[in-house]
Amino acid sequence: MEDTLKKIQTAFNLAFGVAPESITIDTTPKDIPAWDSLGHMSLVSSLEQTFGFNFDVDEVMEMENVSQIVRIIGARQAKA
């Protein structure tokens, strides 16, 4: 999970320009002002580039916080 979180931190940096170390498993949209509906799509795009796969609509809608993002990516990696 640590490697996954580091990649997620990189994706947040690319999408929002935030310091990677500021992103933790407890980060939510209220912690990142730019993480609104448009910012969410930028984040999803950044995550797709970082991890090399596309998310379906249900997965995108479930990405409500970093904990959920880790869970969704873990599930995708387990299927691969």
C-alpha atoms as a PDB file:
ATOM      1  CA  MET A   1       0.000   0.000   0.000  1.00  0.00           C
ATOM      2  CA  GLU A   2       2.896   2.374   0.671  1.00  0.00           C
ATOM      3  CA  ASP A   3       3.977   2.233  -2.987  1.00  0.00           C
ATOM      4  CA  THR A   4       0.372   2.846  -4.077  1.00  0.00           C
ATOM      5  CA  LEU A   5       0.085   5.853  -1.765  1.00  0.00           C
ATOM      6  CA  LYS A   6       3.349   7.296  -3.118  1.00  0.00           C
ATOM      7  CA  LYS A   7       2.004   7.038  -6.671  1.00  0.00           C
ATOM      8  CA  ILE A   8      -1.272   8.628  -5.572  1.00  0.00           C
ATOM      9  CA  GLN A   9       0.698  11.461  -3.972  1.00  0.00           C
ATOM     10  CA  THR A  10       2.476  11.970  -7.309  1.00  0.00           C
ATOM     11  CA  ALA A  11      -0.880  12.058  -9.113  1.00  0.00           C
ATOM     12  CA  PHE A  12      -2.168  14.693  -6.672  1.00  0.00           C
ATOM     13  CA  ASN A  13       0.973  16.741  -7.272  1.00  0.00           C
ATOM     14  CA  LEU A  14       0.419  16.570 -11.032  1.00  0.00           C
ATOM     15  CA  ALA A  15      -3.283  17.403 -10.780  1.00  0.00           C
ATOM     16  CA  PHE A  16      -3.215  20.083  -8.085  1.00  0.00           C
ATOM     17  CA  GLY A  17       0.399  21.164  -7.616  1.00  0.00           C
ATOM     18  CA  VAL A  18       0.339  20.196  -3.940  1.00  0.00           C
ATOM     19  CA  ALA A  19       3.334  18.836  -2.060  1.00  0.00           C
ATOM     20  CA  PRO A  20       3.170  15.025  -2.331  1.00  0.00           C
ATOM     21  CA  GLU A  21       3.895  14.578   1.377  1.00  0.00           C
ATOM     22  CA  SER A  22       0.804  16.649   2.217  1.00  0.00           C
ATOM     23  CA  ILE A  23      -1.413  13.852   0.863  1.00  0.00           C
ATOM     24  CA  THR A  24      -2.212  11.128   3.394  1.00  0.00           C
ATOM     25  CA  ILE A  25      -4.653   8.249   3.620  1.00  0.00           C
ATOM     26  CA  ASP A  26      -6.964  10.652   5.487  1.00  0.00           C
ATOM     27  CA  THR A  27      -6.996  13.401   2.820  1.00  0.00           C
ATOM     28  CA  THR A  28     -10.454  14.444   1.615  1.00  0.00           C
ATOM     29  CA  PRO A  29     -11.657  17.058  -0.883  1.00  0.00           C
ATOM     30  CA  LYS A  30     -12.106  19.573   1.948  1.00  0.00           C
ATOM     31  CA  ASP A  31      -8.315  19.460   2.428  1.00  0.00           C
ATOM     32  CA  ILE A  32      -7.589  20.395  -1.216  1.00  0.00           C
ATOM     33  CA  PRO A  33      -9.437  23.553  -2.378  1.00  0.00           C
ATOM     34  CA  ALA A  34      -8.986  22.658  -6.064  1.00  0.00           C
ATOM     35  CA  TRP A  35     -10.531  19.194  -5.557  1.00  0.00           C
ATOM     36  CA  ASP A  36     -13.958  20.187  -6.855  1.00  0.00           C
ATOM     37  CA  SER A  37     -15.890  18.479  -9.661  1.00  0.00           C
ATOM     38  CA  LEU A  38     -13.564  19.760 -12.386  1.00  0.00           C
ATOM     39  CA  GLY A  39     -10.499  19.106 -10.255  1.00  0.00           C
ATOM     40  CA  HIS A  40     -11.760  15.574  -9.642  1.00  0.00           C
ATOM     41  CA  MET A  41     -11.630  14.873 -13.374  1.00  0.00           C
ATOM     42  CA  SER A  42      -8.065  16.219 -13.531  1.00  0.00           C
ATOM     43  CA  LEU A  43      -7.156  13.952 -10.628  1.00  0.00           C
ATOM     44  CA  VAL A  44      -8.742  10.920 -12.301  1.00  0.00           C
ATOM     45  CA  SER A  45      -6.800  11.649 -15.490  1.00  0.00           C
ATOM     46  CA  SER A  46      -3.585  11.979 -13.493  1.00  0.00           C
ATOM     47  CA  LEU A  47      -4.296   8.704 -11.660  1.00  0.00           C
ATOM     48  CA  GLU A  48      -4.981   6.945 -14.967  1.00  0.00           C
ATOM     49  CA  GLN A  49      -1.659   8.158 -16.375  1.00  0.00           C
ATOM     50  CA  THR A  50       0.212   7.235 -13.199  1.00  0.00           C
ATOM     51  CA  PHE A  51      -1.228   3.718 -12.875  1.00  0.00           C
ATOM     52  CA  GLY A  52      -1.694   2.896 -16.571  1.00  0.00           C
ATOM     53  CA  PHE A  53      -5.355   1.958 -16.592  1.00  0.00           C
ATOM     54  CA  ASN A  54      -8.722   3.648 -17.072  1.00  0.00           C
ATOM     55  CA  PHE A  55     -11.369   3.843 -14.375  1.00  0.00           C
ATOM     56  CA  ASP A  56     -15.028   3.175 -15.070  1.00  0.00           C
ATOM     57  CA  VAL A  57     -17.732   5.659 -14.115  1.00  0.00           C
ATOM     58  CA  ASP A  58     -18.646   3.811 -10.906  1.00  0.00           C
ATOM     59  CA  GLU A  59     -15.018   3.867  -9.730  1.00  0.00           C
ATOM     60  CA  VAL A  60     -14.707   7.585 -10.497  1.00  0.00           C
ATOM     61  CA  MET A  61     -17.854   8.306  -8.483  1.00  0.00           C
ATOM     62  CA  GLU A  62     -16.550   6.260  -5.519  1.00  0.00           C
ATOM     63  CA  MET A  63     -13.298   8.254  -5.302  1.00  0.00           C
ATOM     64  CA  GLU A  64     -14.522  10.455  -2.457  1.00  0.00           C
ATOM     65  CA  ASN A  65     -11.240  10.529  -0.517  1.00  0.00           C
ATOM     66  CA  VAL A  66      -7.708   9.116  -0.628  1.00  0.00           C
ATOM     67  CA  SER A  67      -8.707   6.049   1.371  1.00  0.00           C
ATOM     68  CA  GLN A  68     -11.309   5.160  -1.271  1.00  0.00           C
ATOM     69  CA  ILE A  69      -8.813   5.818  -4.068  1.00  0.00           C
ATOM     70  CA  VAL A  70      -6.335   3.412  -2.441  1.00  0.00           C
ATOM     71  CA  ARG A  71      -9.079   0.773  -2.118  1.00  0.00           C
ATOM     72  CA  ILE A  72     -10.202   1.144  -5.737  1.00  0.00           C
ATOM     73  CA  ILE A  73      -6.666   1.005  -7.117  1.00  0.00           C
ATOM     74  CA  GLY A  74      -5.839  -1.984  -4.908  1.00  0.00           C
ATOM     75  CA  ALA A  75      -8.865  -3.830  -6.256  1.00  0.00           C
ATOM     76  CA  ARG A  76      -7.848  -3.015  -9.847  1.00  0.00           C
ATOM     77  CA  GLN A  77      -4.276  -4.183  -9.244  1.00  0.00           C
ATOM     78  CA  ALA A  78      -5.536  -7.417  -7.669  1.00  0.00           C
ATOM     79  CA  LYS A  79      -7.492  -8.193 -10.857  1.00  0.00           C
ATOM     80  CA  ALA A  80      -4.451  -7.609 -13.090  1.00  0.00           C
END
